[in-house]
Amino acid sequence: MSGLLKSAAGSSQRLELVYINRDNQLSQRIIKVLAVTESTIKAYCYTKRQFRTFSLENVLSIGPIRRRGVC
């Protein structure tokens, strides 16, 4: 996961993020990674249209955006 995040931080690639929020609810976001630390992802969230910091321990999955209807 760290390799994907680091390469995304150096590009304009958007990623799909699924994580558990503070209320223990699943949340799915489209993000652009700006910086990565040992415990956080700093990103622009296109879903909320705000800059956000995500805790890595709450990330369930992250990867390239999957196109709907394409196998």
N, C-alpha and C. Protein backbone atom coordinates (compact mmCIF):
# COMPACT_ATOMS: atom_id res chain seq x y z
N MET A 1 0.82 -1.19 0.00
CA MET A 1 0.00 0.00 0.00
C MET A 1 0.87 1.26 0.00
N SER A 2 1.98 1.25 0.72
CA SER A 2 2.80 2.46 0.80
C SER A 2 3.39 2.84 -0.55
N GLY A 3 3.74 1.86 -1.38
CA GLY A 3 4.26 2.16 -2.71
C GLY A 3 3.23 2.85 -3.58
N LEU A 4 2.00 2.38 -3.52
CA LEU A 4 0.90 2.99 -4.27
C LEU A 4 0.67 4.42 -3.80
N LEU A 5 0.66 4.63 -2.49
CA LEU A 5 0.43 5.96 -1.94
C LEU A 5 1.54 6.93 -2.31
N LYS A 6 2.78 6.48 -2.21
CA LYS A 6 3.91 7.35 -2.54
C LYS A 6 3.92 7.72 -4.02
N SER A 7 3.61 6.77 -4.89
CA SER A 7 3.59 7.09 -6.32
C SER A 7 2.40 7.99 -6.65
N ALA A 8 1.28 7.80 -5.97
CA ALA A 8 0.11 8.67 -6.19
C ALA A 8 0.38 10.08 -5.69
N ALA A 9 1.16 10.22 -4.63
CA ALA A 9 1.48 11.55 -4.09
C ALA A 9 2.29 12.37 -5.07
N GLY A 10 3.03 11.72 -5.92
CA GLY A 10 3.85 12.42 -6.90
C GLY A 10 3.19 12.59 -8.24
N SER A 11 1.90 12.30 -8.32
CA SER A 11 1.20 12.38 -9.60
C SER A 11 -0.18 13.00 -9.39
N SER A 12 -0.94 13.05 -10.45
CA SER A 12 -2.31 13.57 -10.36
C SER A 12 -3.33 12.44 -10.29
N GLN A 13 -2.86 11.23 -10.03
CA GLN A 13 -3.73 10.05 -9.98
C GLN A 13 -4.74 10.15 -8.85
N ARG A 14 -5.98 9.84 -9.16
CA ARG A 14 -7.04 9.78 -8.15
C ARG A 14 -7.18 8.33 -7.68
N LEU A 15 -7.44 8.16 -6.39
CA LEU A 15 -7.60 6.83 -5.82
C LEU A 15 -8.96 6.71 -5.15
N GLU A 16 -9.44 5.47 -5.08
CA GLU A 16 -10.67 5.17 -4.36
C GLU A 16 -10.28 4.64 -2.98
N LEU A 17 -10.82 5.25 -1.94
CA LEU A 17 -10.48 4.92 -0.56
C LEU A 17 -11.72 4.42 0.16
N VAL A 18 -11.61 3.29 0.86
CA VAL A 18 -12.68 2.79 1.72
C VAL A 18 -12.10 2.70 3.11
N TYR A 19 -12.78 3.32 4.08
CA TYR A 19 -12.25 3.32 5.43
C TYR A 19 -13.38 3.39 6.45
N ILE A 20 -13.02 3.20 7.70
CA ILE A 20 -13.98 3.32 8.80
C ILE A 20 -13.78 4.69 9.42
N ASN A 21 -14.86 5.49 9.47
CA ASN A 21 -14.73 6.83 10.03
C ASN A 21 -14.81 6.82 11.56
N ARG A 22 -14.80 8.00 12.16
CA ARG A 22 -14.80 8.11 13.63
C ARG A 22 -16.03 7.50 14.28
N ASP A 23 -17.14 7.44 13.53
CA ASP A 23 -18.38 6.86 14.05
C ASP A 23 -18.51 5.38 13.74
N ASN A 24 -17.39 4.75 13.35
CA ASN A 24 -17.35 3.33 12.98
C ASN A 24 -18.28 2.98 11.82
N GLN A 25 -18.43 3.91 10.90
CA GLN A 25 -19.23 3.66 9.70
C GLN A 25 -18.30 3.61 8.49
N LEU A 26 -18.67 2.75 7.53
CA LEU A 26 -17.89 2.67 6.30
C LEU A 26 -18.08 3.94 5.48
N SER A 27 -17.01 4.40 4.87
CA SER A 27 -17.06 5.57 4.02
C SER A 27 -16.20 5.30 2.79
N GLN A 28 -16.70 5.71 1.65
CA GLN A 28 -15.97 5.53 0.39
C GLN A 28 -15.71 6.91 -0.19
N ARG A 29 -14.47 7.19 -0.56
CA ARG A 29 -14.09 8.50 -1.06
C ARG A 29 -13.21 8.38 -2.30
N ILE A 30 -13.22 9.42 -3.08
CA ILE A 30 -12.28 9.58 -4.19
C ILE A 30 -11.31 10.67 -3.75
N ILE A 31 -10.01 10.35 -3.74
CA ILE A 31 -9.02 11.28 -3.21
C ILE A 31 -7.84 11.47 -4.16
N LYS A 32 -7.14 12.57 -3.95
CA LYS A 32 -5.83 12.80 -4.57
C LYS A 32 -4.85 12.92 -3.43
N VAL A 33 -3.89 12.02 -3.36
CA VAL A 33 -2.92 11.99 -2.27
C VAL A 33 -1.95 13.15 -2.42
N LEU A 34 -1.77 13.89 -1.33
CA LEU A 34 -0.84 15.02 -1.31
C LEU A 34 0.43 14.67 -0.55
N ALA A 35 0.28 13.93 0.56
CA ALA A 35 1.44 13.54 1.37
C ALA A 35 1.08 12.30 2.18
N VAL A 36 2.12 11.53 2.52
CA VAL A 36 1.94 10.31 3.31
C VAL A 36 2.95 10.32 4.45
N THR A 37 2.47 10.01 5.67
CA THR A 37 3.37 9.85 6.81
C THR A 37 3.25 8.40 7.28
N GLU A 38 3.91 8.07 8.37
CA GLU A 38 3.82 6.71 8.90
C GLU A 38 2.40 6.34 9.31
N SER A 39 1.59 7.33 9.69
CA SER A 39 0.27 7.02 10.22
C SER A 39 -0.89 7.71 9.51
N THR A 40 -0.61 8.61 8.56
CA THR A 40 -1.70 9.35 7.93
C THR A 40 -1.51 9.53 6.42
N ILE A 41 -2.63 9.81 5.78
CA ILE A 41 -2.65 10.21 4.37
C ILE A 41 -3.25 11.61 4.34
N LYS A 42 -2.53 12.57 3.79
CA LYS A 42 -3.09 13.90 3.59
C LYS A 42 -3.52 13.95 2.13
N ALA A 43 -4.77 14.34 1.91
CA ALA A 43 -5.32 14.26 0.57
C ALA A 43 -6.40 15.30 0.35
N TYR A 44 -6.65 15.55 -0.94
CA TYR A 44 -7.84 16.32 -1.30
C TYR A 44 -8.94 15.30 -1.55
N CYS A 45 -10.08 15.47 -0.89
CA CYS A 45 -11.21 14.55 -1.04
C CYS A 45 -12.19 15.16 -2.04
N TYR A 46 -12.35 14.52 -3.19
CA TYR A 46 -13.28 15.00 -4.20
C TYR A 46 -14.72 14.77 -3.77
N THR A 47 -14.95 13.77 -2.94
CA THR A 47 -16.30 13.48 -2.46
C THR A 47 -16.82 14.61 -1.57
N LYS A 48 -15.99 15.06 -0.63
CA LYS A 48 -16.38 16.13 0.30
C LYS A 48 -15.94 17.52 -0.15
N ARG A 49 -15.10 17.55 -1.22
CA ARG A 49 -14.57 18.80 -1.76
C ARG A 49 -13.80 19.60 -0.69
N GLN A 50 -12.97 18.86 0.08
CA GLN A 50 -12.17 19.47 1.13
C GLN A 50 -10.86 18.72 1.27
N PHE A 51 -9.87 19.40 1.86
CA PHE A 51 -8.64 18.73 2.22
C PHE A 51 -8.90 17.93 3.49
N ARG A 52 -8.41 16.69 3.52
CA ARG A 52 -8.66 15.80 4.65
C ARG A 52 -7.39 15.06 5.03
N THR A 53 -7.35 14.61 6.30
CA THR A 53 -6.29 13.74 6.78
C THR A 53 -6.94 12.44 7.20
N PHE A 54 -6.48 11.33 6.62
CA PHE A 54 -7.04 10.01 6.90
C PHE A 54 -6.02 9.20 7.69
N SER A 55 -6.49 8.51 8.73
CA SER A 55 -5.63 7.65 9.53
C SER A 55 -5.42 6.33 8.79
N LEU A 56 -4.17 5.94 8.60
CA LEU A 56 -3.88 4.69 7.87
C LEU A 56 -4.47 3.46 8.56
N GLU A 57 -4.56 3.49 9.89
CA GLU A 57 -5.09 2.32 10.60
C GLU A 57 -6.58 2.11 10.33
N ASN A 58 -7.28 3.13 9.81
CA ASN A 58 -8.70 2.99 9.50
C ASN A 58 -8.97 2.68 8.03
N VAL A 59 -7.93 2.62 7.22
CA VAL A 59 -8.09 2.34 5.79
C VAL A 59 -8.32 0.85 5.59
N LEU A 60 -9.44 0.52 4.94
CA LEU A 60 -9.75 -0.88 4.63
C LEU A 60 -9.23 -1.26 3.26
N SER A 61 -9.35 -0.35 2.30
CA SER A 61 -8.80 -0.60 0.97
C SER A 61 -8.54 0.73 0.28
N ILE A 62 -7.57 0.69 -0.61
CA ILE A 62 -7.26 1.86 -1.42
C ILE A 62 -6.67 1.38 -2.73
N GLY A 63 -7.07 2.01 -3.81
CA GLY A 63 -6.55 1.59 -5.11
C GLY A 63 -7.05 2.51 -6.21
N PRO A 64 -6.64 2.22 -7.43
CA PRO A 64 -7.10 3.00 -8.57
C PRO A 64 -8.62 2.95 -8.66
N ILE A 65 -9.21 4.00 -9.18
CA ILE A 65 -10.66 4.05 -9.33
C ILE A 65 -11.09 2.97 -10.30
N ARG A 66 -12.06 2.18 -9.87
CA ARG A 66 -12.60 1.13 -10.74
C ARG A 66 -13.71 1.71 -11.59
N ARG A 67 -13.65 1.45 -12.86
CA ARG A 67 -14.71 1.92 -13.76
C ARG A 67 -15.88 0.96 -13.68
N ARG A 68 -17.05 1.52 -13.56
CA ARG A 68 -18.26 0.68 -13.47
C ARG A 68 -18.56 0.06 -14.83
N GLY A 69 -18.96 -1.19 -14.80
CA GLY A 69 -19.33 -1.88 -16.02
C GLY A 69 -18.16 -2.45 -16.80
N VAL A 70 -16.95 -2.29 -16.31
CA VAL A 70 -15.76 -2.83 -16.97
C VAL A 70 -15.20 -3.94 -16.12
N CYS A 71 -15.00 -5.10 -16.72
CA CYS A 71 -14.49 -6.25 -15.97
C CYS A 71 -12.99 -6.32 -16.00
